[in-house]
Amino acid sequence: IVYYHKENGSDQSHFIPKDKLPYDNSKNPDKVKILYTYKWDKLKSSLFLNYTHEYTKLMATNETKTYNYYNKDARKTIYSSVPVYDYVKHESTKTVDLSFIYDTSIFKKKLSFKIDINNALNEKAKLSHSIKTYQAGRQFWIEANYLF
């Protein structure tokens, strides 16, 4: 059982079985990615500009509601805390990713080094609720390849 807030601030919020929550079709928000690559002699740099359009998603919030029902076998009222599900608006986000690849040769074999900086400006998505969600901040990835 969960407590479900209907969309658009409707007063028709109520307790329902979790499997009866409406289908959420917001799993794939609209995204645009622009890539610019420039190559100098042995160094290749890439700039990625990413945009994710705002979307609304049905999610469990940090809130709970008390659900009570009468248990005939125990002959008493049972109280339990259940999660509140609500539509959470995710504001549009813009991020910048950078990539640098340096290619060289050692003993006639290819050697390359790569540095990726994801979310270089350390942008975080803004939500309409104070929900605890994992959001990756700035990330650095370093890679070395040797082909023999």
Protein backbone atom coordinates (compact mmCIF):
# COMPACT_ATOMS: atom_id res chain seq x y z
CA ILE A 1 0.00 0.00 0.00
CA VAL A 2 1.23 3.51 -0.87
CA TYR A 3 -0.23 7.00 -0.66
CA TYR A 4 -0.68 8.46 -4.14
CA HIS A 5 -0.96 12.16 -4.98
CA LYS A 6 -2.71 12.62 -8.30
CA GLU A 7 -1.09 14.98 -10.80
CA ASN A 8 -1.76 18.74 -10.92
CA GLY A 9 -2.33 19.10 -7.18
CA SER A 10 -5.61 17.21 -7.28
CA ASP A 11 -7.50 16.65 -4.02
CA GLN A 12 -8.07 13.04 -5.02
CA SER A 13 -5.05 11.63 -3.18
CA HIS A 14 -5.61 8.22 -1.62
CA PHE A 15 -4.11 4.92 -0.46
CA ILE A 16 -3.71 2.32 -3.21
CA PRO A 17 -1.74 -0.90 -3.76
CA LYS A 18 1.70 -0.10 -5.18
CA ASP A 19 1.05 -2.25 -8.27
CA LYS A 20 -1.95 -0.01 -9.11
CA LEU A 21 0.16 3.14 -9.48
CA PRO A 22 -0.33 4.60 -12.97
CA TYR A 23 2.19 3.77 -15.68
CA ASP A 24 5.00 6.33 -15.75
CA ASN A 25 6.06 7.09 -19.32
CA SER A 26 8.74 9.65 -18.35
CA LYS A 27 11.61 7.19 -18.29
CA ASN A 28 13.25 8.76 -21.36
CA PRO A 29 13.17 12.56 -21.27
CA ASP A 30 14.07 14.48 -24.43
CA LYS A 31 17.83 14.99 -24.73
CA VAL A 32 20.12 16.83 -27.14
CA LYS A 33 23.88 16.27 -27.35
CA ILE A 34 26.21 18.42 -29.47
CA LEU A 35 29.79 17.28 -30.10
CA TYR A 36 32.70 19.39 -31.28
CA THR A 37 36.03 17.64 -31.90
CA TYR A 38 39.35 19.17 -32.83
CA LYS A 39 42.59 17.32 -33.59
CA TRP A 40 46.08 18.70 -33.22
CA ASP A 41 48.93 16.50 -34.35
CA LYS A 42 48.75 13.75 -31.65
CA LEU A 43 46.15 15.32 -29.37
CA LYS A 44 42.41 15.11 -29.96
CA SER A 45 40.01 17.15 -27.83
CA SER A 46 36.24 16.85 -27.69
CA LEU A 47 33.61 19.11 -26.18
CA PHE A 48 30.13 17.70 -25.48
CA LEU A 49 27.22 20.05 -24.75
CA ASN A 50 24.30 18.13 -23.23
CA TYR A 51 20.74 19.31 -22.68
CA THR A 52 17.96 17.35 -20.96
CA HIS A 53 14.49 18.87 -21.26
CA GLU A 54 12.36 19.22 -18.13
CA TYR A 55 10.10 16.30 -17.31
CA THR A 56 7.78 15.06 -14.59
CA LYS A 57 8.16 11.64 -13.04
CA LEU A 58 6.10 9.70 -10.49
CA MET A 59 8.45 8.97 -7.58
CA ALA A 60 8.46 8.02 -3.91
CA THR A 61 9.04 11.20 -1.90
CA ASN A 62 10.70 11.51 1.52
CA GLU A 63 7.25 11.78 3.08
CA THR A 64 5.20 9.02 4.69
CA LYS A 65 1.53 8.72 5.68
CA THR A 66 0.02 6.55 8.38
CA TYR A 67 -2.20 3.83 6.99
CA ASN A 68 -4.51 2.07 9.42
CA TYR A 69 -6.78 -0.91 8.96
CA TYR A 70 -8.66 -3.29 11.21
CA ASN A 71 -7.19 -6.77 11.47
CA LYS A 72 -10.04 -9.20 12.22
CA ASP A 73 -7.73 -12.02 13.36
CA ALA A 74 -5.85 -9.81 15.82
CA ARG A 75 -9.03 -7.90 16.69
CA LYS A 76 -7.24 -4.58 16.62
CA THR A 77 -6.40 -1.67 14.38
CA ILE A 78 -2.99 -1.90 12.71
CA TYR A 79 -1.07 1.29 11.96
CA SER A 80 1.73 1.35 9.42
CA SER A 81 3.79 4.06 7.77
CA VAL A 82 3.63 3.98 3.97
CA PRO A 83 5.58 6.01 1.36
CA VAL A 84 3.98 8.95 -0.43
CA TYR A 85 4.21 8.89 -4.24
CA ASP A 86 3.94 12.19 -6.05
CA TYR A 87 4.77 13.70 -9.42
CA VAL A 88 8.21 15.30 -9.20
CA LYS A 89 9.25 17.91 -11.73
CA HIS A 90 12.85 17.66 -12.92
CA GLU A 91 14.01 21.02 -14.27
CA SER A 92 15.92 21.09 -17.56
CA THR A 93 19.67 20.56 -17.16
CA LYS A 94 22.69 21.58 -19.18
CA THR A 95 26.04 19.88 -18.73
CA VAL A 96 29.45 20.06 -20.37
CA ASP A 97 31.74 17.06 -20.87
CA LEU A 98 35.37 17.22 -22.03
CA SER A 99 37.60 14.52 -23.47
CA PHE A 100 41.29 14.57 -24.37
CA ILE A 101 43.15 11.74 -26.15
CA TYR A 102 46.88 11.73 -26.76
CA ASP A 103 48.17 9.11 -29.25
CA THR A 104 51.83 8.19 -29.66
CA SER A 105 54.01 5.20 -30.54
CA ILE A 106 56.57 3.29 -28.50
CA PHE A 107 58.61 0.54 -30.14
CA LYS A 108 56.32 0.72 -33.20
CA LYS A 109 53.28 -0.04 -31.01
CA LYS A 110 50.38 2.35 -30.36
CA LEU A 111 50.12 3.99 -26.95
CA SER A 112 47.28 6.33 -26.01
CA PHE A 113 46.23 8.25 -22.93
CA LYS A 114 42.70 9.52 -22.38
CA ILE A 115 41.20 11.91 -19.83
CA ASP A 116 37.43 12.39 -19.62
CA ILE A 117 35.79 15.05 -17.48
CA ASN A 118 32.08 14.39 -17.19
CA ASN A 119 29.84 17.21 -15.94
CA ALA A 120 32.81 19.60 -15.93
CA LEU A 121 30.74 22.46 -14.45
CA ASN A 122 29.36 20.21 -11.68
CA GLU A 123 25.69 20.91 -12.48
CA LYS A 124 22.94 19.27 -10.38
CA ALA A 125 19.34 18.67 -11.45
CA LYS A 126 16.75 20.76 -9.61
CA LEU A 127 13.68 18.89 -8.36
CA SER A 128 10.28 20.20 -7.24
CA HIS A 129 10.50 18.06 -4.04
CA SER A 130 13.33 17.54 -1.62
CA ILE A 131 13.83 13.93 -2.63
CA LYS A 132 17.08 12.14 -1.90
CA THR A 133 18.26 10.97 -5.31
CA TYR A 134 21.73 10.08 -6.48
CA GLN A 135 23.13 12.62 -8.91
CA ALA A 136 26.60 12.23 -10.28
CA GLY A 137 28.67 15.37 -9.95
CA ARG A 138 31.91 16.12 -11.75
CA GLN A 139 33.80 12.93 -12.64
CA PHE A 140 37.33 12.37 -13.87
CA TRP A 141 38.20 9.22 -15.82
CA ILE A 142 41.77 8.37 -16.82
CA GLU A 143 42.63 5.62 -19.28
CA ALA A 144 45.82 4.28 -20.84
CA ASN A 145 45.97 1.83 -23.77
CA TYR A 146 48.91 -0.03 -25.24
CA LEU A 147 48.34 -2.11 -28.37
CA PHE A 148 50.96 -4.81 -28.90
